[in-house]
Each structure stands twice: as C-alpha cells, then as structure tokens.
Amino acid sequence: MAKKPGSNPKGEFAFFNVTYEDGSQRSNRRVPAELLGGLDGDEPARGFIMEQDRDIAEKSGRPPLQIKSLEGVGAKNK
C-alpha cells in the first residue's frame, strides 16, 4: 500500500558525503538533524558517522576507515 503524501517528516535527517583517507567515498550518510547546528556546526556529524563506522567495522571484522572530509549534501561550497 502506498504512503500518503507528506507522511514522511522532512528535516529529520541531514545527509553527508564522506571521503576517507584511502580515497574511498560514501554518499548520503544520514545524521539526525537534532545533532547539528549551533556553535559546533557539522562537527557532531563527524562523531556520529565515526561511531557508525566503528560499529560496521566491528561487525565486518575490518578496521574502521579514517574520515578525510565531510560535505553536507546540498550545502554550498565556500
């Protein structure tokens, strides 16, 4: 059954493209929007994504990758 239009709340998550030290990239990583903003800007997103990466690495048996850069999806380049 199809969902009613407007039933998905907007702005619940912010999306980030992540580039790792080894040159690999992951697109549209979800971070709860409530963590962002304020004086820290996007820095809480880095910690949240690092925690996700640690969990994934633990389950896969591989070491976690180091994040080189984060870019908000839809964010303007400065």
Protein backbone atom coordinates (compact mmCIF):
# COMPACT_ATOMS: atom_id res chain seq x y z
CA MET A 1 0.00 0.00 0.00
CA ALA A 2 1.33 3.43 -0.89
CA LYS A 3 2.04 6.01 1.76
CA LYS A 4 0.06 9.21 1.94
CA PRO A 5 1.89 12.26 0.61
CA GLY A 6 3.52 14.23 3.39
CA SER A 7 3.60 11.30 5.82
CA ASN A 8 7.43 11.32 5.95
CA PRO A 9 8.63 14.14 8.21
CA LYS A 10 11.05 16.49 6.43
CA GLY A 11 14.21 17.72 8.05
CA GLU A 12 14.58 14.75 10.38
CA PHE A 13 17.99 13.86 8.95
CA ALA A 14 20.87 15.71 7.34
CA PHE A 15 22.87 13.93 4.65
CA PHE A 16 26.64 13.97 4.19
CA ASN A 17 29.06 12.73 1.57
CA VAL A 18 32.11 11.25 3.30
CA THR A 19 35.61 10.96 1.83
CA TYR A 20 38.02 8.62 3.61
CA GLU A 21 41.82 8.77 3.88
CA ASP A 22 42.18 5.83 1.45
CA GLY A 23 40.29 7.80 -1.23
CA SER A 24 37.01 5.88 -0.99
CA GLN A 25 33.73 7.75 -0.74
CA ARG A 26 30.29 7.12 0.71
CA SER A 27 27.32 9.22 -0.30
CA ASN A 28 24.23 10.33 1.59
CA ARG A 29 25.19 9.20 5.09
CA ARG A 30 22.28 10.07 7.40
CA VAL A 31 22.81 12.05 10.59
CA PRO A 32 19.96 13.14 12.89
CA ALA A 33 19.36 16.85 12.28
CA GLU A 34 18.97 17.47 16.03
CA LEU A 35 22.73 16.87 16.47
CA LEU A 36 23.68 19.66 14.09
CA GLY A 37 23.76 23.41 14.25
CA GLY A 38 24.87 25.70 17.00
CA LEU A 39 28.49 26.67 17.51
CA ASP A 40 29.84 23.22 16.61
CA GLY A 41 28.35 23.29 13.10
CA ASP A 42 28.79 19.93 11.37
CA GLU A 43 31.42 18.58 13.78
CA PRO A 44 28.88 16.41 15.68
CA ALA A 45 28.13 14.70 12.34
CA ARG A 46 31.75 13.55 12.15
CA GLY A 47 31.49 11.88 15.57
CA PHE A 48 28.16 10.28 14.71
CA ILE A 49 29.48 8.88 11.41
CA MET A 50 32.70 7.68 13.10
CA GLU A 51 30.58 5.78 15.63
CA GLN A 52 28.56 4.20 12.79
CA ASP A 53 31.81 3.25 11.04
CA ARG A 54 33.15 1.63 14.23
CA ASP A 55 30.00 -0.48 14.54
CA ILE A 56 30.20 -1.52 10.88
CA ALA A 57 33.91 -2.33 11.17
CA GLU A 58 33.32 -4.41 14.29
CA LYS A 59 30.64 -6.46 12.56
CA SER A 60 32.69 -6.93 9.39
CA GLY A 61 35.98 -7.67 11.15
CA ARG A 62 37.79 -4.88 9.30
CA PRO A 63 39.46 -1.81 10.81
CA PRO A 64 37.43 1.43 10.58
CA LEU A 65 38.48 3.95 7.94
CA GLN A 66 39.68 7.42 8.91
CA ILE A 67 37.48 10.26 7.66
CA LYS A 68 39.31 12.79 5.50
CA SER A 69 36.40 15.16 4.85
CA LEU A 70 32.65 15.62 5.21
CA GLU A 71 30.46 17.59 2.86
CA GLY A 72 26.82 18.28 3.55
CA VAL A 73 24.59 17.21 0.68
CA GLY A 74 23.02 20.31 -0.77
CA ALA A 75 25.50 22.54 1.09
CA LYS A 76 27.15 25.34 -0.85
CA ASN A 77 30.91 25.17 -1.31
CA LYS A 78 32.73 28.07 0.31
